[in-house]
N, C-alpha and C. Protein backbone atom coordinates (compact mmCIF):
# COMPACT_ATOMS: atom_id res chain seq x y z
N UNK A 1 -80.69 -34.74 -11.95
CA UNK A 1 -79.70 -33.66 -11.90
C UNK A 1 -79.88 -32.76 -13.10
N UNK A 2 -79.88 -31.46 -12.82
CA UNK A 2 -80.10 -30.48 -13.91
C UNK A 2 -78.89 -30.44 -14.81
N UNK A 3 -79.16 -30.34 -16.08
CA UNK A 3 -78.10 -30.27 -17.06
C UNK A 3 -77.43 -28.90 -16.98
N UNK A 4 -76.07 -28.92 -17.06
CA UNK A 4 -75.34 -27.66 -16.99
C UNK A 4 -75.49 -26.93 -18.31
N UNK A 5 -75.59 -25.66 -18.16
CA UNK A 5 -75.70 -24.83 -19.36
C UNK A 5 -74.34 -24.71 -20.01
N UNK A 6 -74.35 -24.24 -21.24
CA UNK A 6 -73.11 -24.04 -21.98
C UNK A 6 -72.22 -23.04 -21.26
N UNK A 7 -72.81 -22.00 -20.69
CA UNK A 7 -72.03 -20.98 -19.98
C UNK A 7 -71.33 -21.57 -18.77
N UNK A 8 -72.06 -22.47 -18.03
CA UNK A 8 -71.46 -23.09 -16.84
C UNK A 8 -70.30 -24.01 -17.23
N UNK A 9 -70.52 -24.76 -18.33
CA UNK A 9 -69.46 -25.64 -18.81
C UNK A 9 -68.22 -24.85 -19.22
N UNK A 10 -68.45 -23.75 -19.92
CA UNK A 10 -67.34 -22.90 -20.34
C UNK A 10 -66.59 -22.34 -19.13
N UNK A 11 -67.37 -21.96 -18.11
CA UNK A 11 -66.76 -21.38 -16.91
C UNK A 11 -65.89 -22.43 -16.19
N UNK A 12 -66.41 -23.70 -16.13
CA UNK A 12 -65.63 -24.76 -15.49
C UNK A 12 -64.33 -25.03 -16.25
N UNK A 13 -64.45 -25.03 -17.57
CA UNK A 13 -63.26 -25.26 -18.40
C UNK A 13 -62.22 -24.17 -18.17
N UNK A 14 -62.67 -22.92 -18.10
CA UNK A 14 -61.76 -21.79 -17.88
C UNK A 14 -61.07 -21.89 -16.52
N UNK A 15 -61.88 -22.34 -15.51
CA UNK A 15 -61.30 -22.49 -14.17
C UNK A 15 -60.22 -23.57 -14.18
N UNK A 16 -60.50 -24.70 -14.87
CA UNK A 16 -59.52 -25.78 -14.96
C UNK A 16 -58.26 -25.32 -15.69
N UNK A 17 -58.47 -24.56 -16.76
CA UNK A 17 -57.32 -24.05 -17.51
C UNK A 17 -56.47 -23.13 -16.64
N UNK A 18 -57.12 -22.24 -15.89
CA UNK A 18 -56.39 -21.31 -15.01
C UNK A 18 -55.62 -22.08 -13.94
N UNK A 19 -56.28 -23.13 -13.39
CA UNK A 19 -55.61 -23.92 -12.37
C UNK A 19 -54.38 -24.62 -12.95
N UNK A 20 -54.52 -25.16 -14.15
CA UNK A 20 -53.41 -25.84 -14.79
C UNK A 20 -52.26 -24.88 -15.10
N UNK A 21 -52.64 -23.66 -15.57
CA UNK A 21 -51.63 -22.64 -15.85
C UNK A 21 -50.90 -22.26 -14.56
N UNK A 22 -51.70 -22.08 -13.48
CA UNK A 22 -51.11 -21.73 -12.19
C UNK A 22 -50.18 -22.83 -11.69
N UNK A 23 -50.61 -24.12 -11.87
CA UNK A 23 -49.77 -25.25 -11.45
C UNK A 23 -48.45 -25.27 -12.21
N UNK A 24 -48.54 -25.04 -13.52
CA UNK A 24 -47.34 -25.05 -14.35
C UNK A 24 -46.41 -23.88 -13.99
N UNK A 25 -47.05 -22.70 -13.74
CA UNK A 25 -46.24 -21.55 -13.35
C UNK A 25 -45.48 -21.82 -12.05
N UNK A 26 -46.17 -22.48 -11.10
CA UNK A 26 -45.51 -22.80 -9.82
C UNK A 26 -44.38 -23.80 -10.03
N UNK A 27 -44.63 -24.77 -10.93
CA UNK A 27 -43.58 -25.75 -11.21
C UNK A 27 -42.37 -25.08 -11.84
N UNK A 28 -42.62 -24.17 -12.80
CA UNK A 28 -41.53 -23.44 -13.46
C UNK A 28 -40.78 -22.59 -12.46
N UNK A 29 -41.55 -21.88 -11.58
CA UNK A 29 -40.92 -21.03 -10.57
C UNK A 29 -40.07 -21.85 -9.61
N UNK A 30 -40.58 -23.05 -9.22
CA UNK A 30 -39.82 -23.91 -8.33
C UNK A 30 -38.53 -24.40 -8.97
N UNK A 31 -38.65 -24.78 -10.26
CA UNK A 31 -37.45 -25.24 -10.98
C UNK A 31 -36.44 -24.12 -11.12
N UNK A 32 -36.95 -22.89 -11.41
CA UNK A 32 -36.05 -21.74 -11.55
C UNK A 32 -35.36 -21.44 -10.23
N UNK A 33 -36.13 -21.57 -9.12
CA UNK A 33 -35.54 -21.29 -7.81
C UNK A 33 -34.45 -22.32 -7.49
N UNK A 34 -34.72 -23.60 -7.80
CA UNK A 34 -33.71 -24.63 -7.59
C UNK A 34 -32.47 -24.36 -8.44
N UNK A 35 -32.71 -23.93 -9.68
CA UNK A 35 -31.59 -23.61 -10.57
C UNK A 35 -30.77 -22.46 -10.01
N UNK A 36 -31.45 -21.43 -9.48
CA UNK A 36 -30.75 -20.27 -8.91
C UNK A 36 -29.93 -20.68 -7.68
N UNK A 37 -30.52 -21.53 -6.82
CA UNK A 37 -29.80 -22.00 -5.63
C UNK A 37 -28.57 -22.80 -6.04
N UNK A 38 -28.75 -23.71 -7.02
CA UNK A 38 -27.63 -24.51 -7.49
C UNK A 38 -26.54 -23.63 -8.09
N UNK A 39 -26.95 -22.63 -8.85
CA UNK A 39 -25.98 -21.72 -9.47
C UNK A 39 -25.22 -20.93 -8.40
N UNK A 40 -25.94 -20.50 -7.36
CA UNK A 40 -25.28 -19.74 -6.29
C UNK A 40 -24.28 -20.62 -5.55
N UNK A 41 -24.67 -21.89 -5.27
CA UNK A 41 -23.76 -22.82 -4.61
C UNK A 41 -22.53 -23.05 -5.48
N UNK A 42 -22.75 -23.23 -6.79
CA UNK A 42 -21.63 -23.45 -7.72
C UNK A 42 -20.71 -22.23 -7.73
N UNK A 43 -21.30 -21.02 -7.74
CA UNK A 43 -20.49 -19.80 -7.75
C UNK A 43 -19.62 -19.71 -6.51
N UNK A 44 -20.20 -20.05 -5.33
CA UNK A 44 -19.43 -20.00 -4.09
C UNK A 44 -18.30 -21.03 -4.10
N UNK A 45 -18.60 -22.23 -4.59
CA UNK A 45 -17.57 -23.27 -4.67
C UNK A 45 -16.44 -22.81 -5.58
N UNK A 46 -16.81 -22.19 -6.72
CA UNK A 46 -15.80 -21.70 -7.67
C UNK A 46 -14.91 -20.64 -7.01
N UNK A 47 -15.53 -19.72 -6.25
CA UNK A 47 -14.77 -18.67 -5.56
C UNK A 47 -13.79 -19.29 -4.56
N UNK A 48 -14.28 -20.27 -3.78
CA UNK A 48 -13.43 -20.91 -2.77
C UNK A 48 -12.27 -21.66 -3.44
N UNK A 49 -12.55 -22.40 -4.51
CA UNK A 49 -11.51 -23.15 -5.21
C UNK A 49 -10.45 -22.20 -5.78
N UNK A 50 -10.91 -21.10 -6.40
CA UNK A 50 -9.97 -20.13 -6.96
C UNK A 50 -9.11 -19.51 -5.86
N UNK A 51 -9.74 -19.17 -4.71
CA UNK A 51 -8.99 -18.58 -3.60
C UNK A 51 -7.94 -19.56 -3.07
N UNK A 52 -8.31 -20.84 -2.96
CA UNK A 52 -7.36 -21.86 -2.49
C UNK A 52 -6.21 -22.01 -3.47
N UNK A 53 -6.51 -22.02 -4.77
CA UNK A 53 -5.47 -22.15 -5.79
C UNK A 53 -4.52 -20.95 -5.76
N UNK A 54 -5.09 -19.75 -5.64
CA UNK A 54 -4.25 -18.55 -5.57
C UNK A 54 -3.35 -18.60 -4.34
N UNK A 55 -3.93 -18.98 -3.20
CA UNK A 55 -3.14 -19.08 -1.97
C UNK A 55 -2.03 -20.11 -2.12
N UNK A 56 -2.35 -21.25 -2.75
CA UNK A 56 -1.34 -22.30 -2.94
C UNK A 56 -0.20 -21.80 -3.82
N UNK A 57 -0.55 -21.15 -4.93
CA UNK A 57 0.48 -20.64 -5.85
C UNK A 57 1.34 -19.59 -5.16
N UNK A 58 0.70 -18.67 -4.41
CA UNK A 58 1.45 -17.62 -3.73
C UNK A 58 2.43 -18.21 -2.72
N UNK A 59 1.94 -19.14 -1.88
CA UNK A 59 2.78 -19.66 -0.81
C UNK A 59 3.80 -20.67 -1.31
N UNK A 60 3.56 -21.27 -2.46
CA UNK A 60 4.50 -22.27 -2.99
C UNK A 60 5.57 -21.64 -3.87
N UNK A 61 5.19 -20.61 -4.63
CA UNK A 61 6.10 -20.09 -5.64
C UNK A 61 6.47 -18.61 -5.46
N UNK A 62 5.73 -17.86 -4.65
CA UNK A 62 5.94 -16.41 -4.60
C UNK A 62 6.42 -15.94 -3.23
N UNK A 63 5.72 -16.31 -2.17
CA UNK A 63 6.08 -15.82 -0.84
C UNK A 63 6.29 -16.97 0.13
N UNK A 64 7.00 -16.67 1.20
CA UNK A 64 7.11 -17.61 2.33
C UNK A 64 6.69 -16.83 3.57
N UNK A 65 5.81 -17.42 4.35
CA UNK A 65 5.24 -16.75 5.52
C UNK A 65 5.56 -17.59 6.76
N UNK A 66 6.16 -16.98 7.78
CA UNK A 66 6.57 -17.76 8.94
C UNK A 66 6.48 -16.93 10.22
N UNK A 67 6.26 -17.64 11.32
CA UNK A 67 6.33 -17.04 12.66
C UNK A 67 7.68 -17.39 13.26
N UNK A 68 8.38 -16.39 13.77
CA UNK A 68 9.72 -16.61 14.34
C UNK A 68 9.55 -17.03 15.81
N UNK A 69 9.96 -18.26 16.17
CA UNK A 69 9.67 -18.76 17.52
C UNK A 69 10.71 -18.39 18.57
N UNK A 70 11.90 -17.94 18.16
CA UNK A 70 12.98 -17.73 19.12
C UNK A 70 13.47 -16.29 19.09
N UNK A 71 14.38 -16.00 20.00
CA UNK A 71 14.92 -14.64 20.13
C UNK A 71 16.24 -14.46 19.38
N UNK A 72 16.60 -15.38 18.49
CA UNK A 72 17.93 -15.38 17.89
C UNK A 72 18.18 -14.19 16.96
N UNK A 73 17.11 -13.50 16.51
CA UNK A 73 17.29 -12.34 15.62
C UNK A 73 16.93 -11.03 16.31
N UNK A 74 16.73 -11.06 17.62
CA UNK A 74 16.42 -9.81 18.32
C UNK A 74 17.64 -8.89 18.30
N UNK A 75 17.46 -7.57 18.25
CA UNK A 75 16.18 -6.87 18.29
C UNK A 75 15.61 -6.55 16.90
N UNK A 76 16.19 -7.10 15.86
CA UNK A 76 15.67 -6.86 14.52
C UNK A 76 14.32 -7.53 14.36
N UNK A 77 14.24 -8.79 14.74
CA UNK A 77 13.00 -9.56 14.70
C UNK A 77 12.80 -10.18 16.07
N UNK A 78 11.66 -9.89 16.69
CA UNK A 78 11.41 -10.37 18.04
C UNK A 78 10.74 -11.74 17.99
N UNK A 79 10.91 -12.51 19.07
CA UNK A 79 10.24 -13.80 19.17
C UNK A 79 8.73 -13.59 19.04
N UNK A 80 8.10 -14.35 18.17
CA UNK A 80 6.66 -14.22 17.94
C UNK A 80 6.31 -13.35 16.75
N UNK A 81 7.27 -12.60 16.23
CA UNK A 81 7.00 -11.79 15.03
C UNK A 81 6.69 -12.70 13.84
N UNK A 82 5.87 -12.17 12.94
CA UNK A 82 5.58 -12.90 11.70
C UNK A 82 6.29 -12.20 10.55
N UNK A 83 6.90 -13.02 9.71
CA UNK A 83 7.77 -12.49 8.65
C UNK A 83 7.32 -13.02 7.29
N UNK A 84 7.32 -12.15 6.31
CA UNK A 84 7.05 -12.54 4.93
C UNK A 84 8.34 -12.42 4.13
N UNK A 85 8.63 -13.46 3.35
CA UNK A 85 9.80 -13.43 2.49
C UNK A 85 9.43 -13.63 1.04
N UNK A 86 10.31 -13.19 0.15
CA UNK A 86 10.11 -13.35 -1.29
C UNK A 86 10.87 -14.57 -1.79
N UNK A 87 10.13 -15.52 -2.36
CA UNK A 87 10.77 -16.70 -2.96
C UNK A 87 11.43 -16.36 -4.30
N UNK A 88 11.01 -15.24 -4.90
CA UNK A 88 11.48 -14.90 -6.25
C UNK A 88 12.74 -14.05 -6.24
N UNK A 89 13.04 -13.40 -5.12
CA UNK A 89 14.10 -12.39 -5.10
C UNK A 89 15.44 -12.95 -5.59
N UNK A 90 15.81 -14.14 -5.09
CA UNK A 90 17.14 -14.66 -5.42
C UNK A 90 17.17 -15.40 -6.76
N UNK A 91 16.06 -15.37 -7.48
CA UNK A 91 16.10 -15.83 -8.87
C UNK A 91 16.79 -14.79 -9.75
N UNK A 92 16.75 -13.51 -9.28
CA UNK A 92 17.32 -12.41 -10.07
C UNK A 92 18.52 -11.76 -9.39
N UNK A 93 18.76 -12.09 -8.12
CA UNK A 93 19.86 -11.45 -7.37
C UNK A 93 20.67 -12.51 -6.64
N UNK A 94 21.91 -12.17 -6.36
CA UNK A 94 22.75 -13.00 -5.49
C UNK A 94 22.58 -12.52 -4.05
N UNK A 95 22.62 -13.43 -3.09
CA UNK A 95 22.58 -13.00 -1.68
C UNK A 95 23.73 -12.05 -1.37
N UNK A 96 23.44 -11.02 -0.59
CA UNK A 96 24.46 -10.04 -0.20
C UNK A 96 24.65 -10.06 1.31
N UNK A 97 25.83 -9.63 1.73
CA UNK A 97 26.09 -9.54 3.16
C UNK A 97 25.07 -8.60 3.81
N UNK A 98 24.50 -9.04 4.92
CA UNK A 98 23.50 -8.24 5.62
C UNK A 98 22.08 -8.63 5.29
N UNK A 99 21.86 -9.38 4.20
CA UNK A 99 20.51 -9.85 3.88
C UNK A 99 19.99 -10.74 5.01
N UNK A 100 18.70 -10.58 5.33
CA UNK A 100 18.04 -11.51 6.24
C UNK A 100 17.36 -12.56 5.39
N UNK A 101 17.74 -13.82 5.62
CA UNK A 101 17.36 -14.90 4.70
C UNK A 101 16.56 -15.97 5.45
N UNK A 102 15.52 -16.48 4.79
CA UNK A 102 14.76 -17.63 5.30
C UNK A 102 15.23 -18.86 4.52
N UNK A 103 15.55 -19.94 5.25
CA UNK A 103 16.19 -21.08 4.58
C UNK A 103 15.91 -22.38 5.33
N UNK A 104 16.17 -23.47 4.63
CA UNK A 104 16.07 -24.79 5.24
C UNK A 104 17.30 -25.02 6.10
N UNK A 105 17.08 -25.32 7.37
CA UNK A 105 18.17 -25.56 8.32
C UNK A 105 19.10 -26.65 7.78
N UNK A 106 20.38 -26.37 7.60
CA UNK A 106 21.30 -27.34 6.97
C UNK A 106 21.36 -28.69 7.67
N UNK A 107 21.16 -28.72 8.99
CA UNK A 107 21.23 -29.99 9.72
C UNK A 107 19.90 -30.74 9.73
N UNK A 108 18.82 -30.07 9.37
CA UNK A 108 17.49 -30.70 9.31
C UNK A 108 16.61 -29.85 8.39
N UNK A 109 16.62 -30.15 7.09
CA UNK A 109 15.93 -29.30 6.10
C UNK A 109 14.42 -29.17 6.30
N UNK A 110 13.83 -29.99 7.20
CA UNK A 110 12.39 -29.85 7.45
C UNK A 110 12.08 -28.62 8.29
N UNK A 111 13.12 -28.03 8.91
CA UNK A 111 12.95 -26.87 9.79
C UNK A 111 13.33 -25.60 9.03
N UNK A 112 12.47 -24.58 9.13
CA UNK A 112 12.75 -23.29 8.48
C UNK A 112 13.49 -22.38 9.45
N UNK A 113 14.61 -21.82 9.01
CA UNK A 113 15.41 -20.92 9.84
C UNK A 113 15.40 -19.52 9.22
N UNK A 114 15.75 -18.54 10.05
CA UNK A 114 15.94 -17.17 9.56
C UNK A 114 17.17 -16.58 10.24
N UNK A 115 18.16 -16.16 9.44
CA UNK A 115 19.40 -15.59 9.95
C UNK A 115 19.88 -14.52 8.97
N UNK A 116 21.00 -13.90 9.33
CA UNK A 116 21.58 -12.86 8.49
C UNK A 116 22.83 -13.40 7.77
N UNK A 117 22.98 -13.03 6.51
CA UNK A 117 24.18 -13.41 5.75
C UNK A 117 25.37 -12.60 6.27
N UNK A 118 26.42 -13.30 6.69
CA UNK A 118 27.63 -12.65 7.18
C UNK A 118 28.80 -12.89 6.24
N UNK A 119 29.08 -14.14 5.95
CA UNK A 119 30.20 -14.48 5.08
C UNK A 119 29.74 -14.93 3.71
N UNK A 120 30.37 -14.40 2.67
CA UNK A 120 30.02 -14.74 1.29
C UNK A 120 30.96 -15.81 0.74
N UNK A 121 30.61 -16.43 -0.38
CA UNK A 121 31.46 -17.47 -0.95
C UNK A 121 32.90 -17.01 -1.15
N UNK A 122 33.85 -17.85 -0.71
CA UNK A 122 35.26 -17.57 -0.90
C UNK A 122 35.87 -16.66 0.16
N UNK A 123 35.06 -16.20 1.12
CA UNK A 123 35.59 -15.27 2.13
C UNK A 123 36.13 -16.02 3.35
N UNK A 124 37.00 -15.33 4.07
CA UNK A 124 37.61 -15.83 5.30
C UNK A 124 36.94 -15.09 6.46
N UNK A 125 36.30 -15.83 7.36
CA UNK A 125 35.55 -15.22 8.47
C UNK A 125 36.19 -15.62 9.80
N UNK A 126 36.35 -14.62 10.65
CA UNK A 126 36.89 -14.88 11.99
C UNK A 126 36.21 -13.93 12.97
N UNK A 127 35.96 -14.42 14.19
CA UNK A 127 35.30 -13.61 15.21
C UNK A 127 36.22 -13.55 16.42
N UNK A 128 36.60 -12.33 16.79
CA UNK A 128 37.57 -12.18 17.87
C UNK A 128 37.33 -10.84 18.57
N UNK A 129 37.40 -10.87 19.90
CA UNK A 129 37.26 -9.63 20.67
C UNK A 129 35.93 -8.92 20.44
N UNK A 130 34.88 -9.70 20.17
CA UNK A 130 33.55 -9.10 19.97
C UNK A 130 33.32 -8.55 18.58
N UNK A 131 34.27 -8.75 17.67
CA UNK A 131 34.17 -8.20 16.31
C UNK A 131 34.26 -9.32 15.28
N UNK A 132 33.47 -9.20 14.23
CA UNK A 132 33.55 -10.13 13.10
C UNK A 132 34.54 -9.55 12.08
N UNK A 133 35.46 -10.37 11.61
CA UNK A 133 36.43 -9.95 10.60
C UNK A 133 36.19 -10.73 9.30
N UNK A 134 36.08 -10.01 8.21
CA UNK A 134 35.94 -10.62 6.89
C UNK A 134 37.23 -10.35 6.12
N UNK A 135 37.93 -11.39 5.78
CA UNK A 135 39.23 -11.26 5.10
C UNK A 135 40.15 -10.29 5.83
N UNK A 136 40.09 -10.35 7.17
CA UNK A 136 40.97 -9.54 8.00
C UNK A 136 40.46 -8.15 8.31
N UNK A 137 39.33 -7.73 7.74
CA UNK A 137 38.80 -6.39 7.98
C UNK A 137 37.56 -6.47 8.88
N UNK A 138 37.51 -5.55 9.87
CA UNK A 138 36.39 -5.52 10.81
C UNK A 138 35.10 -5.21 10.08
N UNK A 139 34.04 -5.96 10.42
CA UNK A 139 32.73 -5.78 9.79
C UNK A 139 31.90 -4.81 10.63
N UNK A 140 31.37 -3.77 9.98
CA UNK A 140 30.49 -2.83 10.66
C UNK A 140 29.09 -3.44 10.73
N UNK A 141 28.55 -3.59 11.94
CA UNK A 141 27.24 -4.22 12.12
C UNK A 141 26.34 -3.32 12.98
N UNK A 142 25.74 -2.31 12.41
CA UNK A 142 24.92 -1.38 13.18
C UNK A 142 23.63 -1.99 13.74
N UNK A 143 23.24 -3.14 13.25
CA UNK A 143 22.01 -3.80 13.68
C UNK A 143 22.19 -4.54 15.01
N UNK A 144 23.43 -4.68 15.50
CA UNK A 144 23.68 -5.40 16.75
C UNK A 144 23.49 -4.51 17.96
N UNK A 145 22.96 -5.11 19.04
CA UNK A 145 22.91 -4.38 20.31
C UNK A 145 23.59 -5.19 21.42
N UNK A 146 24.37 -6.21 21.01
CA UNK A 146 25.14 -7.00 21.97
C UNK A 146 26.55 -7.17 21.42
N UNK A 147 27.49 -7.46 22.32
CA UNK A 147 28.86 -7.76 21.91
C UNK A 147 28.99 -9.28 21.76
N UNK A 148 29.51 -9.72 20.63
CA UNK A 148 29.66 -11.15 20.39
C UNK A 148 30.72 -11.73 21.31
N UNK A 149 30.31 -12.69 22.12
CA UNK A 149 31.23 -13.30 23.07
C UNK A 149 31.98 -14.46 22.43
N UNK A 150 33.20 -14.68 22.88
CA UNK A 150 33.96 -15.85 22.46
C UNK A 150 34.81 -15.61 21.22
N UNK A 151 35.67 -16.57 20.97
CA UNK A 151 36.55 -16.55 19.80
C UNK A 151 36.08 -17.67 18.87
N UNK A 152 35.84 -17.30 17.60
CA UNK A 152 35.28 -18.27 16.65
C UNK A 152 36.05 -18.23 15.33
N UNK A 153 36.25 -19.39 14.76
CA UNK A 153 36.91 -19.46 13.47
C UNK A 153 38.38 -19.81 13.61
N UNK A 154 39.10 -19.66 12.51
CA UNK A 154 38.66 -19.08 11.23
C UNK A 154 37.79 -20.05 10.41
N UNK A 155 36.93 -19.44 9.56
CA UNK A 155 36.08 -20.19 8.64
C UNK A 155 36.40 -19.73 7.21
N UNK A 156 36.57 -20.68 6.33
CA UNK A 156 36.75 -20.38 4.91
C UNK A 156 35.48 -20.82 4.18
N UNK A 157 34.71 -19.86 3.75
CA UNK A 157 33.39 -20.16 3.18
C UNK A 157 33.56 -20.76 1.78
N UNK A 158 33.03 -21.97 1.55
CA UNK A 158 33.17 -22.58 0.22
C UNK A 158 32.36 -21.83 -0.84
N UNK A 159 32.71 -22.05 -2.09
CA UNK A 159 31.95 -21.46 -3.18
C UNK A 159 30.51 -21.98 -3.15
N UNK A 160 29.58 -21.09 -3.44
CA UNK A 160 28.17 -21.46 -3.45
C UNK A 160 27.56 -21.59 -2.07
N UNK A 161 28.30 -21.12 -1.04
CA UNK A 161 27.83 -21.26 0.35
C UNK A 161 27.92 -19.91 1.08
N UNK A 162 27.26 -19.87 2.27
CA UNK A 162 27.19 -18.63 3.05
C UNK A 162 27.34 -18.95 4.53
N UNK A 163 28.00 -18.03 5.23
CA UNK A 163 28.16 -18.13 6.68
C UNK A 163 27.07 -17.27 7.31
N UNK A 164 26.21 -17.88 8.14
CA UNK A 164 25.01 -17.22 8.66
C UNK A 164 25.12 -17.01 10.17
N UNK A 165 24.62 -15.85 10.64
CA UNK A 165 24.57 -15.60 12.08
C UNK A 165 23.29 -14.86 12.43
N UNK A 166 22.84 -15.07 13.67
CA UNK A 166 21.70 -14.32 14.18
C UNK A 166 22.15 -13.01 14.78
N UNK A 167 21.25 -12.03 14.84
CA UNK A 167 21.61 -10.72 15.40
C UNK A 167 21.80 -10.77 16.91
N UNK A 168 21.11 -11.69 17.57
CA UNK A 168 21.28 -11.87 19.01
C UNK A 168 22.41 -12.88 19.21
N UNK A 169 23.63 -12.42 19.00
CA UNK A 169 24.79 -13.29 18.81
C UNK A 169 25.01 -14.31 19.93
N UNK A 170 24.68 -13.94 21.13
CA UNK A 170 24.98 -14.83 22.25
C UNK A 170 23.82 -15.76 22.58
N UNK A 171 22.78 -15.73 21.76
CA UNK A 171 21.64 -16.63 21.93
C UNK A 171 21.11 -17.05 20.56
N UNK A 172 22.04 -17.48 19.70
CA UNK A 172 21.68 -17.83 18.33
C UNK A 172 22.39 -19.11 17.90
N UNK A 173 21.61 -20.12 17.52
CA UNK A 173 22.17 -21.35 16.95
C UNK A 173 22.38 -21.12 15.46
N UNK A 174 23.60 -20.78 15.10
CA UNK A 174 23.88 -20.41 13.71
C UNK A 174 25.09 -21.17 13.19
N UNK A 175 25.72 -20.65 12.14
CA UNK A 175 26.83 -21.37 11.49
C UNK A 175 27.94 -21.78 12.46
N UNK A 176 28.09 -21.06 13.55
CA UNK A 176 29.12 -21.39 14.51
C UNK A 176 28.89 -22.74 15.19
N UNK A 177 27.61 -23.19 15.21
CA UNK A 177 27.24 -24.38 15.97
C UNK A 177 26.75 -25.54 15.09
N UNK A 178 26.41 -25.27 13.83
CA UNK A 178 25.84 -26.32 12.99
C UNK A 178 26.89 -27.38 12.64
N UNK A 179 26.43 -28.61 12.49
CA UNK A 179 27.31 -29.67 11.97
C UNK A 179 27.68 -29.37 10.52
N UNK A 180 26.67 -28.96 9.73
CA UNK A 180 26.92 -28.49 8.37
C UNK A 180 27.05 -26.97 8.45
N UNK A 181 28.27 -26.52 8.57
CA UNK A 181 28.54 -25.13 8.96
C UNK A 181 27.92 -24.10 8.01
N UNK A 182 27.88 -24.39 6.73
CA UNK A 182 27.53 -23.35 5.75
C UNK A 182 26.17 -23.63 5.10
N UNK A 183 25.50 -22.54 4.77
CA UNK A 183 24.23 -22.62 4.04
C UNK A 183 24.53 -22.61 2.55
N UNK A 184 24.04 -23.62 1.83
CA UNK A 184 24.19 -23.61 0.37
C UNK A 184 23.10 -22.74 -0.25
N UNK A 185 23.37 -22.24 -1.44
CA UNK A 185 22.37 -21.40 -2.10
C UNK A 185 21.08 -22.17 -2.37
N UNK A 186 21.21 -23.47 -2.65
CA UNK A 186 20.03 -24.30 -2.89
C UNK A 186 19.12 -24.38 -1.67
N UNK A 187 19.69 -24.16 -0.49
CA UNK A 187 18.88 -24.24 0.73
C UNK A 187 18.12 -22.97 1.04
N UNK A 188 18.37 -21.90 0.30
CA UNK A 188 17.68 -20.63 0.55
C UNK A 188 16.25 -20.70 0.05
N UNK A 189 15.29 -20.35 0.91
CA UNK A 189 13.87 -20.35 0.54
C UNK A 189 13.45 -18.98 0.05
N UNK A 190 13.93 -17.93 0.70
CA UNK A 190 13.54 -16.59 0.27
C UNK A 190 14.24 -15.51 1.08
N UNK A 191 14.12 -14.29 0.61
CA UNK A 191 14.66 -13.14 1.33
C UNK A 191 13.55 -12.53 2.18
N UNK A 192 13.82 -12.35 3.48
CA UNK A 192 12.85 -11.71 4.36
C UNK A 192 12.68 -10.25 3.95
N UNK A 193 11.43 -9.83 3.75
CA UNK A 193 11.20 -8.46 3.29
C UNK A 193 10.33 -7.65 4.24
N UNK A 194 9.59 -8.33 5.13
CA UNK A 194 8.62 -7.58 5.94
C UNK A 194 8.26 -8.37 7.19
N UNK A 195 8.19 -7.67 8.34
CA UNK A 195 7.57 -8.27 9.52
C UNK A 195 6.30 -7.49 9.81
N UNK A 196 5.25 -8.20 10.29
CA UNK A 196 3.94 -7.54 10.34
C UNK A 196 3.11 -7.86 11.57
N UNK A 197 3.70 -8.37 12.63
CA UNK A 197 2.90 -8.74 13.79
C UNK A 197 2.74 -7.54 14.74
N UNK A 198 3.80 -7.16 15.42
CA UNK A 198 3.73 -5.97 16.30
C UNK A 198 4.14 -4.75 15.47
N UNK A 199 3.24 -4.34 14.57
CA UNK A 199 3.55 -3.25 13.66
C UNK A 199 4.24 -3.78 12.42
N UNK A 200 4.39 -2.90 11.44
CA UNK A 200 5.02 -3.27 10.16
C UNK A 200 6.42 -2.70 10.09
N UNK A 201 7.33 -3.50 9.55
CA UNK A 201 8.68 -3.01 9.30
C UNK A 201 9.23 -3.72 8.08
N UNK A 202 9.72 -2.93 7.13
CA UNK A 202 10.30 -3.49 5.91
C UNK A 202 11.81 -3.60 6.09
N UNK A 203 12.37 -4.74 5.66
CA UNK A 203 13.81 -4.94 5.74
C UNK A 203 14.47 -4.45 4.45
N UNK A 204 15.70 -3.98 4.57
CA UNK A 204 16.44 -3.54 3.39
C UNK A 204 16.91 -4.75 2.58
């Protein structure tokens, strides 16, 4: 076998060096690609976790979101409408007559209800001849499109409690029918502020 010249040996060495450099470059590129993929996966996980945390905080401490399953608040809120309420509103305000309130049903707190505040703490409520009377004075209710049937009361609303009724008076399971007649302030979840299913409407 012929002896390789110095030039041939040098050329072989250079080829081996280039191959080794190329191998290392590929290894580095592969590691960098794996690092980039891992970083992208981590970034997506972080985004999802943050979104879940924000949603949890909003729904637990800021807003209450519910679908109304019945017609008891028609025509203000129709069956199937979705309603957003503020959990924070009553931290700074007292419930007022006419407010639409989302609350834990007094007879079964696992169920969320939505009704209108009619009687305030310490008031005398009576329903007669299709009219609601508060302390003997007729209540103006422009949101109604039905006449309230039947004679109800009198009710003396305890302190810290509220007498609640639905706008669809003749098809509403409200304070007139509950075993625990009055809603306590502690049972209030939030004030309804917006319905957004069949169009948007903000409540006063």
